[in-house]
Amino acid sequence: MTGASDLPPLKAVFLDRDGVLNIDHGYVFDPARLDWIEGAREAVAAISKAGLKVLVVTNQSGIGRGYFDEAAMDRFHDAMQDQLAELGGQINAFYYSPFHEAAIVEAYRVADHPDRKPNPGMILRGLADWNLRPEEAVIIGDRHIDVEAGNRAGMPGYLFKGGNLRAFVAQVLGDRVPELK
């Protein structure tokens, strides 16, 4: 059995967005509707302060479905960054997939796109962009497709079933990164 001490140092945490960082109201893009999951801002701040990268990987089919555009999503992400900065947290990169087989925007109408979770495309790009090996990262998501995407990229995944994200991060990563306990 492999213990935390047998693994290389953890360098990055991939996080799903809706349902992990913010409450999933369904196709959320308006900064006025940014409601954080309990402990999410504190979790990101703790991960950042521990020296790890925070990389968000999020399916955003609302773009392909025509509910909002990429500029609206960027404004939402900017609001997240501003509110995280208040606690010393930062998301190093956002990766998103606007693709969906039922998209009304033709450019995004793709069945089983490599970036759409559970496919690992966004994660693989994040690993490459940040010069990371899969064993140096983990993913936390609220759906099995998040964990599966991480597993397909060669990294462990943790299923967040709600509650306080900061406490969850301490529980699942604290042995590997004592600063997160």
N, C-alpha and C. Protein backbone atom coordinates (compact mmCIF):
# COMPACT_ATOMS: atom_id res chain seq x y z
N MET A 1 0.84 -1.18 0.00
CA MET A 1 0.00 0.00 0.00
C MET A 1 0.88 1.24 0.00
N THR A 2 0.53 2.19 -0.83
CA THR A 2 1.31 3.43 -0.94
C THR A 2 0.76 4.46 0.04
N GLY A 3 1.65 5.01 0.85
CA GLY A 3 1.25 6.06 1.79
C GLY A 3 1.61 7.42 1.25
N ALA A 4 1.17 8.46 1.96
CA ALA A 4 1.43 9.84 1.53
C ALA A 4 2.92 10.10 1.43
N SER A 5 3.73 9.48 2.31
CA SER A 5 5.17 9.73 2.29
C SER A 5 5.86 9.09 1.09
N ASP A 6 5.20 8.13 0.43
CA ASP A 6 5.78 7.47 -0.74
C ASP A 6 5.54 8.26 -2.03
N LEU A 7 4.71 9.26 -1.98
CA LEU A 7 4.34 10.03 -3.17
C LEU A 7 5.24 11.25 -3.30
N PRO A 8 5.44 11.73 -4.55
CA PRO A 8 6.19 12.97 -4.70
C PRO A 8 5.42 14.13 -4.10
N PRO A 9 6.09 15.24 -3.83
CA PRO A 9 5.37 16.39 -3.25
C PRO A 9 4.19 16.81 -4.13
N LEU A 10 3.10 17.15 -3.48
CA LEU A 10 1.93 17.64 -4.20
C LEU A 10 2.21 19.07 -4.64
N LYS A 11 1.98 19.36 -5.92
CA LYS A 11 2.26 20.68 -6.47
C LYS A 11 1.01 21.42 -6.96
N ALA A 12 -0.08 20.68 -7.17
CA ALA A 12 -1.28 21.33 -7.71
C ALA A 12 -2.54 20.59 -7.27
N VAL A 13 -3.61 21.36 -7.13
CA VAL A 13 -4.93 20.82 -6.87
C VAL A 13 -5.84 21.33 -7.98
N PHE A 14 -6.41 20.39 -8.73
CA PHE A 14 -7.42 20.72 -9.72
C PHE A 14 -8.76 20.70 -9.00
N LEU A 15 -9.58 21.70 -9.27
CA LEU A 15 -10.90 21.79 -8.65
C LEU A 15 -11.97 21.95 -9.73
N ASP A 16 -13.05 21.24 -9.58
CA ASP A 16 -14.24 21.55 -10.36
C ASP A 16 -14.77 22.88 -9.83
N ARG A 17 -15.59 23.57 -10.61
CA ARG A 17 -16.08 24.87 -10.17
C ARG A 17 -17.46 24.76 -9.53
N ASP A 18 -18.48 24.53 -10.33
CA ASP A 18 -19.87 24.53 -9.84
C ASP A 18 -20.11 23.31 -8.95
N GLY A 19 -20.48 23.57 -7.71
CA GLY A 19 -20.72 22.50 -6.75
C GLY A 19 -19.54 22.22 -5.85
N VAL A 20 -18.37 22.78 -6.18
CA VAL A 20 -17.19 22.63 -5.35
C VAL A 20 -16.77 24.00 -4.81
N LEU A 21 -16.63 24.96 -5.70
CA LEU A 21 -16.27 26.32 -5.28
C LEU A 21 -17.50 27.18 -5.06
N ASN A 22 -18.41 27.16 -6.00
CA ASN A 22 -19.62 27.97 -5.89
C ASN A 22 -20.85 27.09 -5.95
N ILE A 23 -21.92 27.59 -5.36
CA ILE A 23 -23.19 26.87 -5.40
C ILE A 23 -23.66 26.83 -6.85
N ASP A 24 -24.07 25.64 -7.27
CA ASP A 24 -24.50 25.43 -8.65
C ASP A 24 -25.99 25.78 -8.77
N HIS A 25 -26.23 27.03 -9.20
CA HIS A 25 -27.61 27.46 -9.42
C HIS A 25 -28.11 27.07 -10.81
N GLY A 26 -27.26 26.43 -11.59
CA GLY A 26 -27.60 26.07 -12.97
C GLY A 26 -27.13 27.15 -13.93
N TYR A 27 -26.07 26.85 -14.66
CA TYR A 27 -25.52 27.78 -15.66
C TYR A 27 -25.23 29.16 -15.05
N VAL A 28 -24.48 29.16 -13.98
CA VAL A 28 -24.16 30.41 -13.28
C VAL A 28 -23.09 31.17 -14.05
N PHE A 29 -23.38 32.45 -14.33
CA PHE A 29 -22.40 33.30 -15.01
C PHE A 29 -22.44 34.74 -14.52
N ASP A 30 -23.49 35.12 -13.81
CA ASP A 30 -23.64 36.49 -13.32
C ASP A 30 -22.92 36.61 -11.98
N PRO A 31 -21.92 37.53 -11.88
CA PRO A 31 -21.22 37.68 -10.61
C PRO A 31 -22.14 37.96 -9.42
N ALA A 32 -23.29 38.55 -9.67
CA ALA A 32 -24.24 38.80 -8.58
C ALA A 32 -24.80 37.49 -8.01
N ARG A 33 -24.68 36.41 -8.77
CA ARG A 33 -25.17 35.10 -8.32
C ARG A 33 -24.04 34.20 -7.82
N LEU A 34 -22.88 34.80 -7.58
CA LEU A 34 -21.74 34.04 -7.05
C LEU A 34 -21.96 33.81 -5.55
N ASP A 35 -22.33 32.60 -5.22
CA ASP A 35 -22.50 32.18 -3.84
C ASP A 35 -21.51 31.05 -3.59
N TRP A 36 -20.60 31.27 -2.68
CA TRP A 36 -19.53 30.31 -2.41
C TRP A 36 -20.04 29.12 -1.60
N ILE A 37 -19.49 27.96 -1.90
CA ILE A 37 -19.67 26.79 -1.05
C ILE A 37 -18.99 27.10 0.28
N GLU A 38 -19.56 26.64 1.38
CA GLU A 38 -18.98 26.88 2.69
C GLU A 38 -17.52 26.40 2.72
N GLY A 39 -16.63 27.29 3.15
CA GLY A 39 -15.22 26.95 3.28
C GLY A 39 -14.44 26.95 1.98
N ALA A 40 -15.07 27.28 0.85
CA ALA A 40 -14.37 27.22 -0.44
C ALA A 40 -13.28 28.28 -0.55
N ARG A 41 -13.62 29.51 -0.18
CA ARG A 41 -12.60 30.57 -0.26
C ARG A 41 -11.44 30.26 0.67
N GLU A 42 -11.73 29.76 1.84
CA GLU A 42 -10.69 29.41 2.80
C GLU A 42 -9.84 28.25 2.29
N ALA A 43 -10.47 27.29 1.61
CA ALA A 43 -9.72 26.16 1.04
C ALA A 43 -8.75 26.63 -0.02
N VAL A 44 -9.21 27.48 -0.94
CA VAL A 44 -8.34 27.99 -1.99
C VAL A 44 -7.20 28.80 -1.37
N ALA A 45 -7.52 29.61 -0.37
CA ALA A 45 -6.47 30.40 0.29
C ALA A 45 -5.44 29.49 0.95
N ALA A 46 -5.88 28.45 1.61
CA ALA A 46 -4.96 27.53 2.28
C ALA A 46 -4.08 26.81 1.26
N ILE A 47 -4.67 26.37 0.16
CA ILE A 47 -3.91 25.68 -0.88
C ILE A 47 -2.88 26.64 -1.48
N SER A 48 -3.30 27.87 -1.76
CA SER A 48 -2.38 28.88 -2.31
C SER A 48 -1.24 29.16 -1.34
N LYS A 49 -1.57 29.35 -0.07
CA LYS A 49 -0.56 29.68 0.94
C LYS A 49 0.40 28.52 1.17
N ALA A 50 -0.03 27.30 0.89
CA ALA A 50 0.84 26.12 1.01
C ALA A 50 1.79 26.00 -0.18
N GLY A 51 1.64 26.92 -1.15
CA GLY A 51 2.54 26.93 -2.30
C GLY A 51 2.12 26.05 -3.46
N LEU A 52 0.88 25.57 -3.43
CA LEU A 52 0.38 24.72 -4.51
C LEU A 52 -0.37 25.57 -5.54
N LYS A 53 -0.39 25.08 -6.76
CA LYS A 53 -1.19 25.71 -7.81
C LYS A 53 -2.64 25.28 -7.63
N VAL A 54 -3.55 26.19 -7.92
CA VAL A 54 -4.98 25.91 -7.92
C VAL A 54 -5.45 26.07 -9.35
N LEU A 55 -5.92 24.96 -9.94
CA LEU A 55 -6.33 24.95 -11.34
C LEU A 55 -7.78 24.48 -11.41
N VAL A 56 -8.63 25.30 -12.00
CA VAL A 56 -10.04 24.97 -12.11
C VAL A 56 -10.31 24.35 -13.47
N VAL A 57 -11.03 23.24 -13.46
CA VAL A 57 -11.46 22.57 -14.69
C VAL A 57 -12.98 22.44 -14.63
N THR A 58 -13.65 23.07 -15.58
CA THR A 58 -15.10 23.17 -15.49
C THR A 58 -15.79 23.01 -16.84
N ASN A 59 -16.76 22.11 -16.89
CA ASN A 59 -17.62 22.02 -18.06
C ASN A 59 -18.55 23.23 -18.04
N GLN A 60 -18.57 23.98 -19.13
CA GLN A 60 -19.42 25.17 -19.22
C GLN A 60 -20.26 25.10 -20.50
N SER A 61 -21.14 24.11 -20.57
CA SER A 61 -21.97 23.94 -21.76
C SER A 61 -22.95 25.08 -21.94
N GLY A 62 -23.15 25.91 -20.90
CA GLY A 62 -24.02 27.07 -21.05
C GLY A 62 -23.55 28.01 -22.15
N ILE A 63 -22.26 28.03 -22.41
CA ILE A 63 -21.73 28.84 -23.51
C ILE A 63 -22.21 28.25 -24.84
N GLY A 64 -22.00 26.96 -25.02
CA GLY A 64 -22.42 26.30 -26.25
C GLY A 64 -23.94 26.30 -26.43
N ARG A 65 -24.65 26.31 -25.33
CA ARG A 65 -26.11 26.31 -25.38
C ARG A 65 -26.67 27.72 -25.63
N GLY A 66 -25.78 28.72 -25.63
CA GLY A 66 -26.19 30.09 -25.91
C GLY A 66 -26.76 30.84 -24.72
N TYR A 67 -26.60 30.32 -23.51
CA TYR A 67 -27.12 30.98 -22.31
C TYR A 67 -26.28 32.18 -21.91
N PHE A 68 -24.99 32.13 -22.18
CA PHE A 68 -24.07 33.23 -21.90
C PHE A 68 -22.85 33.04 -22.79
N ASP A 69 -22.02 34.07 -22.86
CA ASP A 69 -20.83 33.98 -23.71
C ASP A 69 -19.56 33.90 -22.86
N GLU A 70 -18.43 33.75 -23.52
CA GLU A 70 -17.17 33.60 -22.80
C GLU A 70 -16.82 34.85 -22.01
N ALA A 71 -17.19 36.02 -22.51
CA ALA A 71 -16.91 37.26 -21.77
C ALA A 71 -17.66 37.27 -20.44
N ALA A 72 -18.89 36.78 -20.42
CA ALA A 72 -19.66 36.71 -19.18
C ALA A 72 -19.01 35.73 -18.21
N MET A 73 -18.55 34.60 -18.72
CA MET A 73 -17.87 33.64 -17.86
C MET A 73 -16.58 34.26 -17.30
N ASP A 74 -15.86 35.00 -18.12
CA ASP A 74 -14.63 35.66 -17.66
C ASP A 74 -14.93 36.66 -16.54
N ARG A 75 -16.04 37.39 -16.65
CA ARG A 75 -16.42 38.33 -15.60
C ARG A 75 -16.71 37.59 -14.29
N PHE A 76 -17.35 36.44 -14.41
CA PHE A 76 -17.64 35.62 -13.23
C PHE A 76 -16.33 35.16 -12.59
N HIS A 77 -15.40 34.71 -13.41
CA HIS A 77 -14.10 34.25 -12.89
C HIS A 77 -13.31 35.41 -12.29
N ASP A 78 -13.41 36.59 -12.88
CA ASP A 78 -12.75 37.77 -12.30
C ASP A 78 -13.31 38.08 -10.91
N ALA A 79 -14.63 37.97 -10.76
CA ALA A 79 -15.26 38.20 -9.46
C ALA A 79 -14.77 37.16 -8.45
N MET A 80 -14.63 35.93 -8.89
CA MET A 80 -14.10 34.89 -8.00
C MET A 80 -12.70 35.26 -7.53
N GLN A 81 -11.86 35.67 -8.48
CA GLN A 81 -10.47 36.02 -8.14
C GLN A 81 -10.42 37.18 -7.14
N ASP A 82 -11.25 38.18 -7.37
CA ASP A 82 -11.28 39.34 -6.47
C ASP A 82 -11.65 38.92 -5.05
N GLN A 83 -12.67 38.07 -4.93
CA GLN A 83 -13.12 37.64 -3.61
C GLN A 83 -12.13 36.68 -2.95
N LEU A 84 -11.44 35.88 -3.74
CA LEU A 84 -10.41 35.00 -3.19
C LEU A 84 -9.21 35.79 -2.69
N ALA A 85 -8.85 36.84 -3.42
CA ALA A 85 -7.69 37.65 -3.05
C ALA A 85 -7.86 38.26 -1.66
N GLU A 86 -9.09 38.53 -1.27
CA GLU A 86 -9.36 39.10 0.06
C GLU A 86 -8.83 38.20 1.18
N LEU A 87 -8.74 36.89 0.90
CA LEU A 87 -8.26 35.93 1.90
C LEU A 87 -6.87 35.41 1.56
N GLY A 88 -6.25 35.95 0.53
CA GLY A 88 -4.91 35.49 0.13
C GLY A 88 -4.94 34.29 -0.79
N GLY A 89 -6.07 34.02 -1.39
CA GLY A 89 -6.19 32.89 -2.31
C GLY A 89 -6.14 33.33 -3.75
N GLN A 90 -5.84 32.38 -4.63
CA GLN A 90 -5.76 32.67 -6.06
C GLN A 90 -5.97 31.39 -6.85
N ILE A 91 -6.70 31.52 -7.93
CA ILE A 91 -6.79 30.44 -8.90
C ILE A 91 -5.77 30.76 -9.98
N ASN A 92 -4.83 29.83 -10.19
CA ASN A 92 -3.75 30.08 -11.14
C ASN A 92 -4.21 30.00 -12.59
N ALA A 93 -5.22 29.18 -12.86
CA ALA A 93 -5.74 29.08 -14.23
C ALA A 93 -7.13 28.47 -14.20
N PHE A 94 -7.95 28.93 -15.13
CA PHE A 94 -9.27 28.35 -15.36
C PHE A 94 -9.23 27.64 -16.71
N TYR A 95 -9.64 26.40 -16.73
CA TYR A 95 -9.81 25.64 -17.97
C TYR A 95 -11.29 25.32 -18.06
N TYR A 96 -11.87 25.55 -19.22
CA TYR A 96 -13.30 25.31 -19.36
C TYR A 96 -13.61 24.66 -20.70
N SER A 97 -14.70 23.94 -20.71
CA SER A 97 -15.15 23.27 -21.92
C SER A 97 -16.56 23.74 -22.24
N PRO A 98 -16.71 24.52 -23.33
CA PRO A 98 -18.03 24.98 -23.74
C PRO A 98 -18.75 23.96 -24.63
N PHE A 99 -18.13 22.82 -24.86
CA PHE A 99 -18.63 21.86 -25.84
C PHE A 99 -19.73 20.98 -25.28
N HIS A 100 -20.69 20.67 -26.14
CA HIS A 100 -21.79 19.77 -25.79
C HIS A 100 -22.44 19.31 -27.07
N GLU A 101 -22.88 18.09 -27.08
CA GLU A 101 -23.49 17.54 -28.30
C GLU A 101 -24.79 18.26 -28.68
N ALA A 102 -25.44 18.92 -27.72
CA ALA A 102 -26.69 19.63 -27.99
C ALA A 102 -26.50 21.15 -28.06
N ALA A 103 -25.28 21.60 -28.23
CA ALA A 103 -25.01 23.04 -28.28
C ALA A 103 -25.73 23.66 -29.48
N ILE A 104 -26.26 24.88 -29.27
CA ILE A 104 -26.87 25.59 -30.39
C ILE A 104 -25.83 26.41 -31.14
N VAL A 105 -24.72 26.72 -30.49
CA VAL A 105 -23.60 27.38 -31.15
C VAL A 105 -22.82 26.29 -31.86
N GLU A 106 -22.87 26.34 -33.19
CA GLU A 106 -22.33 25.24 -33.99
C GLU A 106 -20.87 24.91 -33.66
N ALA A 107 -20.06 25.93 -33.42
CA ALA A 107 -18.64 25.70 -33.14
C ALA A 107 -18.44 24.84 -31.90
N TYR A 108 -19.43 24.82 -31.01
CA TYR A 108 -19.31 24.07 -29.76
C TYR A 108 -20.13 22.79 -29.76
N ARG A 109 -20.79 22.48 -30.88
CA ARG A 109 -21.61 21.28 -30.96
C ARG A 109 -20.71 20.11 -31.34
N VAL A 110 -20.19 19.46 -30.32
CA VAL A 110 -19.28 18.34 -30.51
C VAL A 110 -19.66 17.25 -29.51
N ALA A 111 -19.90 16.07 -30.03
CA ALA A 111 -20.18 14.95 -29.14
C ALA A 111 -18.86 14.41 -28.59
N ASP A 112 -18.79 14.19 -27.30
CA ASP A 112 -17.64 13.57 -26.65
C ASP A 112 -16.33 14.31 -26.93
N HIS A 113 -16.36 15.62 -26.79
CA HIS A 113 -15.14 16.43 -27.01
C HIS A 113 -14.07 16.01 -25.99
N PRO A 114 -12.80 15.97 -26.38
CA PRO A 114 -11.73 15.56 -25.47
C PRO A 114 -11.63 16.41 -24.19
N ASP A 115 -12.12 17.66 -24.24
CA ASP A 115 -12.06 18.53 -23.07
C ASP A 115 -13.23 18.35 -22.13
N ARG A 116 -14.33 17.82 -22.62
CA ARG A 116 -15.53 17.72 -21.77
C ARG A 116 -15.39 16.54 -20.81
N LYS A 117 -15.40 16.86 -19.51
CA LYS A 117 -15.32 15.78 -18.53
C LYS A 117 -16.50 14.83 -18.71
N PRO A 118 -16.26 13.54 -18.63
CA PRO A 118 -15.17 12.87 -17.95
C PRO A 118 -13.89 12.70 -18.77
N ASN A 119 -13.84 13.23 -19.96
CA ASN A 119 -12.59 13.16 -20.72
C ASN A 119 -11.55 14.07 -20.04
N PRO A 120 -10.28 13.73 -20.16
CA PRO A 120 -9.25 14.42 -19.38
C PRO A 120 -8.57 15.59 -20.08
N GLY A 121 -9.08 16.06 -21.20
CA GLY A 121 -8.37 17.07 -21.98
C GLY A 121 -7.97 18.32 -21.22
N MET A 122 -8.88 18.89 -20.44
CA MET A 122 -8.55 20.10 -19.69
C MET A 122 -7.46 19.82 -18.66
N ILE A 123 -7.54 18.68 -18.02
CA ILE A 123 -6.55 18.32 -17.01
C ILE A 123 -5.19 18.09 -17.66
N LEU A 124 -5.18 17.39 -18.77
CA LEU A 124 -3.91 17.15 -19.47
C LEU A 124 -3.27 18.46 -19.91
N ARG A 125 -4.08 19.40 -20.35
CA ARG A 125 -3.56 20.72 -20.75
C ARG A 125 -3.00 21.44 -19.52
N GLY A 126 -3.71 21.37 -18.40
CA GLY A 126 -3.22 21.99 -17.17
C GLY A 126 -1.91 21.38 -16.72
N LEU A 127 -1.80 20.07 -16.78
CA LEU A 127 -0.54 19.41 -16.41
C LEU A 127 0.59 19.90 -17.30
N ALA A 128 0.35 19.97 -18.60
CA ALA A 128 1.39 20.41 -19.55
C ALA A 128 1.74 21.88 -19.33
N ASP A 129 0.72 22.73 -19.18
CA ASP A 129 0.95 24.17 -19.02
C ASP A 129 1.80 24.49 -17.79
N TRP A 130 1.62 23.69 -16.73
CA TRP A 130 2.30 23.97 -15.47
C TRP A 130 3.45 22.99 -15.20
N ASN A 131 3.81 22.22 -16.23
CA ASN A 131 4.95 21.29 -16.14
C ASN A 131 4.81 20.36 -14.94
N LEU A 132 3.65 19.74 -14.85
CA LEU A 132 3.33 18.85 -13.74
C LEU A 132 3.22 17.41 -14.22
N ARG A 133 3.59 16.49 -13.34
CA ARG A 133 3.34 15.08 -13.59
C ARG A 133 2.03 14.73 -12.87
N PRO A 134 1.28 13.77 -13.38
CA PRO A 134 0.01 13.44 -12.74
C PRO A 134 0.13 13.10 -11.26
N GLU A 135 1.21 12.46 -10.86
CA GLU A 135 1.36 12.09 -9.45
C GLU A 135 1.67 13.29 -8.55
N GLU A 136 1.86 14.46 -9.15
CA GLU A 136 2.09 15.68 -8.37
C GLU A 136 0.82 16.50 -8.20
N ALA A 137 -0.31 15.93 -8.62
CA ALA A 137 -1.58 16.67 -8.59
C ALA A 137 -2.72 15.75 -8.19
N VAL A 138 -3.82 16.37 -7.76
CA VAL A 138 -5.06 15.66 -7.45
C VAL A 138 -6.21 16.51 -7.99
N ILE A 139 -7.37 15.89 -8.07
CA ILE A 139 -8.58 16.64 -8.44
C ILE A 139 -9.65 16.42 -7.39
N ILE A 140 -10.39 17.49 -7.13
CA ILE A 140 -11.55 17.44 -6.24
C ILE A 140 -12.76 17.89 -7.05
N GLY A 141 -13.77 17.04 -7.08
CA GLY A 141 -14.99 17.37 -7.81
C GLY A 141 -16.21 16.88 -7.05
N ASP A 142 -17.36 17.36 -7.47
CA ASP A 142 -18.60 16.95 -6.79
C ASP A 142 -19.36 15.89 -7.58
N ARG A 143 -18.81 15.49 -8.72
CA ARG A 143 -19.48 14.47 -9.53
C ARG A 143 -18.47 13.40 -9.92
N HIS A 144 -18.97 12.22 -10.17
CA HIS A 144 -18.09 11.12 -10.55
C HIS A 144 -17.31 11.42 -11.83
N ILE A 145 -17.89 12.23 -12.72
CA ILE A 145 -17.16 12.55 -13.96
C ILE A 145 -15.89 13.35 -13.68
N ASP A 146 -15.87 14.12 -12.60
CA ASP A 146 -14.67 14.88 -12.24
C ASP A 146 -13.56 13.92 -11.81
N VAL A 147 -13.91 13.00 -10.93
CA VAL A 147 -12.94 12.02 -10.45
C VAL A 147 -12.46 11.15 -11.61
N GLU A 148 -13.40 10.75 -12.47
CA GLU A 148 -13.03 9.91 -13.62
C GLU A 148 -12.07 10.65 -14.55
N ALA A 149 -12.31 11.93 -14.78
CA ALA A 149 -11.41 12.70 -15.64
C ALA A 149 -10.01 12.73 -15.04
N GLY A 150 -9.91 12.93 -13.73
CA GLY A 150 -8.62 12.89 -13.07
C GLY A 150 -7.96 11.53 -13.20
N ASN A 151 -8.74 10.48 -12.98
CA ASN A 151 -8.19 9.13 -13.11
C ASN A 151 -7.70 8.86 -14.52
N ARG A 152 -8.44 9.32 -15.53
CA ARG A 152 -8.01 9.13 -16.92
C ARG A 152 -6.71 9.89 -17.22
N ALA A 153 -6.47 10.96 -16.45
CA ALA A 153 -5.22 11.72 -16.61
C ALA A 153 -4.11 11.15 -15.73
N GLY A 154 -4.42 10.11 -14.95
CA GLY A 154 -3.41 9.45 -14.14
C GLY A 154 -3.26 9.98 -12.73
N MET A 155 -4.24 10.74 -12.25
CA MET A 155 -4.14 11.30 -10.90
C MET A 155 -5.31 10.86 -10.04
N PRO A 156 -5.10 10.88 -8.72
CA PRO A 156 -6.22 10.54 -7.84
C PRO A 156 -7.26 11.64 -7.81
N GLY A 157 -8.48 11.23 -7.56
CA GLY A 157 -9.57 12.18 -7.44
C GLY A 157 -10.33 11.94 -6.16
N TYR A 158 -10.92 13.02 -5.66
CA TYR A 158 -11.69 12.97 -4.43
C TYR A 158 -13.08 13.54 -4.69
N LEU A 159 -14.09 12.81 -4.25
CA LEU A 159 -15.47 13.21 -4.47
C LEU A 159 -15.96 14.02 -3.28
N PHE A 160 -16.24 15.31 -3.52
CA PHE A 160 -16.74 16.22 -2.51
C PHE A 160 -18.26 16.14 -2.53
N LYS A 161 -18.83 15.68 -1.42
CA LYS A 161 -20.27 15.46 -1.36
C LYS A 161 -21.00 16.59 -0.64
N GLY A 162 -20.33 17.72 -0.47
CA GLY A 162 -20.95 18.85 0.21
C GLY A 162 -20.36 19.05 1.59
N GLY A 163 -20.82 20.09 2.24
CA GLY A 163 -20.28 20.46 3.54
C GLY A 163 -19.26 21.56 3.39
N ASN A 164 -18.27 21.55 4.27
CA ASN A 164 -17.26 22.59 4.29
C ASN A 164 -16.05 22.14 3.47
N LEU A 165 -15.76 22.86 2.39
CA LEU A 165 -14.65 22.46 1.51
C LEU A 165 -13.31 22.55 2.22
N ARG A 166 -13.13 23.54 3.08
CA ARG A 166 -11.85 23.67 3.80
C ARG A 166 -11.60 22.44 4.67
N ALA A 167 -12.63 21.99 5.36
CA ALA A 167 -12.50 20.79 6.19
C ALA A 167 -12.23 19.56 5.34
N PHE A 168 -12.87 19.48 4.19
CA PHE A 168 -12.68 18.35 3.28
C PHE A 168 -11.24 18.31 2.78
N VAL A 169 -10.71 19.48 2.38
CA VAL A 169 -9.33 19.55 1.90
C VAL A 169 -8.36 19.11 3.01
N ALA A 170 -8.60 19.54 4.23
CA ALA A 170 -7.75 19.12 5.35
C ALA A 170 -7.80 17.61 5.52
N GLN A 171 -8.99 17.05 5.38
CA GLN A 171 -9.17 15.61 5.57
C GLN A 171 -8.47 14.80 4.48
N VAL A 172 -8.66 15.16 3.21
CA VAL A 172 -8.14 14.32 2.13
C VAL A 172 -6.70 14.64 1.74
N LEU A 173 -6.23 15.84 2.03
CA LEU A 173 -4.88 16.22 1.61
C LEU A 173 -3.93 16.53 2.77
N GLY A 174 -4.44 16.58 3.98
CA GLY A 174 -3.64 16.97 5.13
C GLY A 174 -2.45 16.07 5.40
N ASP A 175 -2.57 14.77 5.15
CA ASP A 175 -1.43 13.87 5.36
C ASP A 175 -0.32 14.13 4.35
N ARG A 176 -0.71 14.53 3.17
CA ARG A 176 0.27 14.78 2.11
C ARG A 176 0.86 16.18 2.17
N VAL A 177 0.05 17.14 2.63
CA VAL A 177 0.48 18.53 2.75
C VAL A 177 0.09 19.00 4.16
N PRO A 178 0.99 18.84 5.13
CA PRO A 178 0.64 19.15 6.53
C PRO A 178 0.11 20.57 6.73
N GLU A 179 0.52 21.52 5.89
CA GLU A 179 0.02 22.90 6.03
C GLU A 179 -1.49 23.00 5.79
N LEU A 180 -2.05 21.98 5.19
CA LEU A 180 -3.49 21.99 4.90
C LEU A 180 -4.33 21.39 6.02
N LYS A 181 -3.69 20.84 7.04
CA LYS A 181 -4.45 20.23 8.15
C LYS A 181 -5.20 21.27 8.94
